[in-house]
Protein backbone atom coordinates (compact mmCIF):
# COMPACT_ATOMS: atom_id res chain seq x y z
CA MET A 1 0.00 0.00 0.00
CA ALA A 2 1.37 3.42 -0.92
CA ARG A 3 1.83 6.04 1.75
CA ILE A 4 -0.33 9.15 1.34
CA LYS A 5 1.46 12.38 2.18
CA ARG A 6 -0.78 15.43 2.60
CA ALA A 7 1.38 17.89 4.48
CA GLN A 8 2.11 20.21 1.56
CA ILE A 9 -1.51 20.27 0.37
CA ARG A 10 -2.78 20.92 3.89
CA LYS A 11 -0.26 23.72 4.48
CA LYS A 12 -1.28 25.34 1.22
CA ARG A 13 -4.99 25.10 2.06
CA VAL A 14 -4.54 26.45 5.61
CA LYS A 15 -2.30 29.26 4.38
CA LYS A 16 -4.94 30.27 1.83
CA LEU A 17 -7.63 30.16 4.52
CA PHE A 18 -5.64 32.41 6.87
CA LYS A 19 -4.93 34.80 4.01
CA ARG A 20 -8.68 35.12 3.45
CA SER A 21 -9.37 35.65 7.17
CA LYS A 22 -6.73 38.38 7.54
CA GLY A 23 -8.13 41.32 9.47
CA PHE A 24 -10.87 39.36 11.23
CA PHE A 25 -11.35 39.96 14.95
CA MET A 26 -9.60 37.95 17.68
CA SER A 27 -9.27 34.22 17.07
CA ARG A 28 -11.34 34.37 13.89
CA ASN A 29 -8.17 35.18 11.97
CA ASN A 30 -5.68 32.72 13.45
CA THR A 31 -7.56 29.64 14.71
CA LEU A 32 -8.26 27.10 12.03
CA ARG A 33 -11.84 26.14 12.94
CA GLN A 34 -13.04 29.65 13.74
CA ALA A 35 -11.27 31.14 10.73
CA ASN A 36 -12.92 28.59 8.46
CA GLU A 37 -16.39 29.41 9.83
CA ALA A 38 -15.70 33.13 9.60
CA VAL A 39 -14.50 32.89 5.99
CA MET A 40 -17.49 30.76 4.96
CA LYS A 41 -19.88 33.27 6.51
CA ALA A 42 -18.01 36.22 4.98
CA ARG A 43 -18.19 34.66 1.52
CA MET A 44 -21.90 33.98 1.98
CA ASN A 45 -22.49 37.60 3.01
CA ALA A 46 -20.43 38.83 0.06
CA TYR A 47 -22.57 36.81 -2.33
CA THR A 48 -25.76 38.16 -0.74
CA GLY A 49 -24.36 41.69 -0.83
CA ARG A 50 -23.68 41.51 -4.55
CA LYS A 51 -27.33 40.66 -5.12
CA GLN A 52 -28.60 43.36 -2.74
CA LYS A 53 -26.43 46.03 -4.37
CA LYS A 54 -28.43 45.75 -7.58
CA ARG A 55 -31.71 46.21 -5.67
CA GLN A 56 -30.35 49.20 -3.76
CA TYR A 57 -29.18 50.95 -6.91
CA ARG A 58 -32.57 50.46 -8.58
CA SER A 59 -34.41 51.90 -5.56
CA MET A 60 -31.97 54.86 -5.50
CA TRP A 61 -32.64 55.56 -9.20
CA ILE A 62 -36.39 55.43 -8.58
CA ALA A 63 -36.08 57.82 -5.63
CA ARG A 64 -34.07 60.26 -7.76
CA ILE A 65 -36.57 60.13 -10.62
CA ASN A 66 -39.46 60.63 -8.20
CA ALA A 67 -37.69 63.60 -6.59
CA ALA A 68 -37.19 65.18 -10.02
CA CYS A 69 -40.81 64.49 -11.05
CA ARG A 70 -42.51 66.05 -8.01
CA PRO A 71 -41.70 69.71 -8.81
CA LEU A 72 -43.04 69.11 -12.34
CA GLU A 73 -46.39 68.02 -10.82
CA ILE A 74 -46.34 64.35 -11.74
CA SER A 75 -45.72 61.23 -9.67
CA TYR A 76 -43.11 58.62 -10.50
CA SER A 77 -45.69 55.97 -11.39
CA GLN A 78 -47.63 58.33 -13.66
CA PHE A 79 -44.38 59.43 -15.30
CA MET A 80 -43.31 55.86 -16.04
CA HIS A 81 -46.80 55.02 -17.30
CA GLY A 82 -46.72 58.05 -19.59
CA LEU A 83 -43.31 57.08 -20.95
CA ASN A 84 -44.59 53.59 -21.74
CA LEU A 85 -47.64 55.02 -23.51
CA ALA A 86 -45.41 57.42 -25.48
CA GLY A 87 -43.18 54.52 -26.52
CA ILE A 88 -40.07 55.97 -24.89
CA GLU A 89 -37.80 53.23 -23.61
CA ILE A 90 -35.11 54.65 -21.30
CA ASN A 91 -33.93 52.65 -18.33
CA ARG A 92 -34.13 54.05 -14.82
CA LYS A 93 -30.39 54.53 -14.50
CA MET A 94 -30.30 56.85 -17.51
CA LEU A 95 -33.47 58.66 -16.42
CA SER A 96 -31.84 59.28 -13.05
CA GLU A 97 -28.69 60.67 -14.70
CA ILE A 98 -30.78 62.91 -16.98
CA ALA A 99 -32.77 64.15 -13.98
CA ILE A 100 -29.58 65.10 -12.14
CA HIS A 101 -27.48 66.58 -14.94
CA ASP A 102 -29.95 67.89 -17.55
CA ALA A 103 -33.14 69.26 -16.01
CA ASP A 104 -34.39 70.72 -19.32
CA ALA A 105 -34.26 67.38 -21.12
CA PHE A 106 -35.99 65.73 -18.17
CA ALA A 107 -38.74 68.38 -18.27
CA LYS A 108 -39.27 67.59 -21.97
CA LEU A 109 -39.59 63.89 -21.14
CA VAL A 110 -42.17 64.76 -18.47
CA GLU A 111 -44.12 66.83 -20.99
CA GLN A 112 -44.14 63.94 -23.45
CA ALA A 113 -45.32 61.57 -20.72
CA LYS A 114 -48.11 63.99 -19.71
CA ALA A 115 -49.17 64.38 -23.36
CA ALA A 116 -49.31 60.61 -23.82
CA ILE A 117 -51.48 60.23 -20.70
CA ALA A 118 -53.80 63.04 -21.85
CA ALA A 119 -54.13 61.52 -25.33
CA LYS A 120 -55.09 58.13 -23.92
């Protein structure tokens, strides 16, 4: 029977684990079992965070569009409905950027949305 030698592989794996847990608090960065649990949880939270970031950006864009719509006497939902009726397809990210940097162009979009709602 051949002898199985795992020392190098284990050292490499443990070294990689401790590299990932660098900066963690107390024994979570230098004890094998606790570091492993901490790294697994950190990676799980990172995965979740990447998904949540997309939701948070979308809600921020919607809040910006709504804030730009209110002075022009239209709500966000009515504005989006009017854009759909007018056949204007601009995503929320671009609408948010237009609302921030080019108020005149945004006002024209609002007018087109209002006209489409009135024509319905």
